[in-house]
């Protein structure tokens, strides 16, 4: 049996993955492969570097740190000023780079990690999904987490990359294609929530994006090969304000998300 952890995208909602990881390690479940997108690439890189219970506390501390708050933490006036200057993005990528360097090390390469890691990003020039699994880790994870409009595209070689969630929000299929036979999906909770037709302008983009991010995962669930078992871990439920597009900035919900996900996932694993 080869165990794969699949960590999906979802901004600040990705804090639930720390609670899920705690429950998995409590149950004695360790990964042989880690696959991640966006915030899942950030959390996943830490797990691939240190696939032990120690990583859970390190991630919890990182999520609660000023460095994490700084990733999206600029005031609206500063963000608008940066947007006016750059014409492409609201936030400076430096805090994200520094956070990643603190988590996995500035010079770490995929080849140095304890277990294999693969992260997805969207290539602008080729309008295509790109998987990184060799070379420097930090720029690849930054590419995977470069939310359009929030952070600038990440340049690697002669190409530019944006958030992997645009092309593969919950990369289940990549795990079994890379040999995982038991897959634990650490999703952030969106797929647990029903969608309804929008009745306000602010809901149109949110609902449209949710359709785009969910349809591939639903298809891959239906295409799970014989001999592969999939466990979609529960998030513990939504937090007030999650329905708003601006919820990606709400760091005040982090601890509650972790605790709810830990409780829900522990109960799931005990009954599976």
Foldseek 3Di string as FASTA:
>chain_A
DAEEEWEFDDFLLSLLVLLLLLLCQVVVHWHQEYEYFAVSLLLRLLCQQPRHNVSSVVVVPLLVDPLVLQLQPDDPVQQVVVCVVVVKARHECVSVLVSSCVRNNQQDWLVNTNHWYKYWWAWPVVRDIDIDGTDGSSLRNCLQNAATRHHAFRDDDNITTHHRLQPARGPPVVCVVVPHQEYETNYSAPVVDDDDDDDDPQQPVVSVSSCSNPPVVVVVVVVDDPRHHYHYQHQLDDDPPSSGPPCSSPSVCSVVRSVSSNVRRNVVVVVD
